[in-house]
Amino acid sequence: MLYGLGVTNFIYGGDELKLSISSEVSLGVFPIVLGVLGGIISCMSFLIFIKKSNRVLFIASGVLGGGIGAIVWFLLFGNVSFL
């Protein structure tokens, strides 16, 4: 995928890797900085917008919905769409 950029062994992918290469900085700079920033924004949003009484239910429903969605995708729709 990124062989044209001269990178054959990497653990980061996507646009962040391209930004790091074009900015001539270490490959992990943009993925780590943007990942930490995204985590901070997510935590702040969670703590500000979700009431304390609903936080456990919010997390549990996300885990349950994500698990069911993954199972449905990989067992039903994934097999059909990649035939």
Protein backbone atom coordinates (compact mmCIF):
# COMPACT_ATOMS: atom_id res chain seq x y z
CA MET A 1 0.00 0.00 0.00
CA LEU A 2 2.69 2.51 0.97
CA TYR A 3 5.53 0.92 -0.97
CA GLY A 4 5.55 3.92 -3.29
CA LEU A 5 6.43 6.11 -0.31
CA GLY A 6 9.40 3.91 0.57
CA VAL A 7 7.81 2.52 3.73
CA THR A 8 7.53 -1.25 3.90
CA ASN A 9 7.41 -1.97 7.65
CA PHE A 10 5.17 0.26 9.73
CA ILE A 11 2.62 0.07 12.54
CA TYR A 12 0.76 3.29 11.75
CA GLY A 13 -1.37 3.82 8.70
CA GLY A 14 -3.65 6.25 7.02
CA ASP A 15 -3.27 9.97 6.53
CA GLU A 16 -1.22 10.44 9.67
CA LEU A 17 1.58 8.35 8.22
CA LYS A 18 1.52 10.39 5.01
CA LEU A 19 1.63 13.62 7.06
CA SER A 20 4.64 12.36 9.01
CA ILE A 21 6.48 11.38 5.84
CA SER A 22 5.74 14.62 4.01
CA SER A 23 6.69 16.70 7.08
CA GLU A 24 9.92 14.71 7.44
CA VAL A 25 9.33 13.86 11.10
CA SER A 26 9.37 10.50 12.85
CA LEU A 27 6.62 8.17 11.64
CA GLY A 28 4.92 8.08 15.05
CA VAL A 29 4.64 11.81 15.67
CA PHE A 30 1.31 12.56 14.02
CA PRO A 31 -0.45 9.27 14.92
CA ILE A 32 0.49 9.55 18.60
CA VAL A 33 -0.23 13.26 18.99
CA LEU A 34 -3.55 13.09 17.15
CA GLY A 35 -4.52 9.89 18.98
CA VAL A 36 -3.89 11.47 22.38
CA LEU A 37 -5.77 14.61 21.33
CA GLY A 38 -8.72 12.52 20.14
CA GLY A 39 -8.72 10.57 23.40
CA ILE A 40 -8.74 13.75 25.47
CA ILE A 41 -11.59 15.24 23.43
CA SER A 42 -13.58 11.98 23.70
CA CYS A 43 -13.11 11.81 27.48
CA MET A 44 -14.05 15.45 27.94
CA SER A 45 -17.16 15.01 25.78
CA PHE A 46 -18.14 11.90 27.70
CA LEU A 47 -17.70 13.58 31.07
CA ILE A 48 -19.47 16.80 30.04
CA PHE A 49 -22.43 15.54 28.01
CA ILE A 50 -23.33 12.20 29.64
CA LYS A 51 -24.98 12.46 33.05
CA LYS A 52 -23.38 10.47 35.89
CA SER A 53 -26.51 8.38 36.30
CA ASN A 54 -26.40 7.29 32.63
CA ARG A 55 -22.67 6.63 32.17
CA VAL A 56 -22.67 2.92 33.04
CA LEU A 57 -25.71 2.32 30.83
CA PHE A 58 -24.07 4.29 28.00
CA ILE A 59 -20.88 2.22 28.15
CA ALA A 60 -22.74 -1.08 28.51
CA SER A 61 -25.02 -0.33 25.56
CA GLY A 62 -22.00 0.67 23.43
CA VAL A 63 -20.18 -2.55 24.24
CA LEU A 64 -23.29 -4.68 23.66
CA GLY A 65 -24.26 -2.87 20.45
CA GLY A 66 -20.70 -2.98 19.11
CA GLY A 67 -20.44 -6.70 19.84
CA ILE A 68 -23.75 -7.51 18.22
CA GLY A 69 -22.90 -5.30 15.23
CA ALA A 70 -19.57 -7.07 14.74
CA ILE A 71 -21.18 -10.50 14.95
CA VAL A 72 -23.94 -9.56 12.51
CA TRP A 73 -21.43 -8.05 10.08
CA PHE A 74 -18.93 -10.90 10.13
CA LEU A 75 -21.44 -13.73 10.13
CA LEU A 76 -24.20 -12.37 7.89
CA PHE A 77 -23.44 -9.29 5.82
CA GLY A 78 -19.69 -9.74 5.46
CA ASN A 79 -20.06 -13.11 3.79
CA VAL A 80 -22.68 -11.81 1.39
CA SER A 81 -20.91 -8.59 0.41
CA PHE A 82 -17.54 -10.19 -0.31
CA LEU A 83 -18.72 -13.04 -2.56
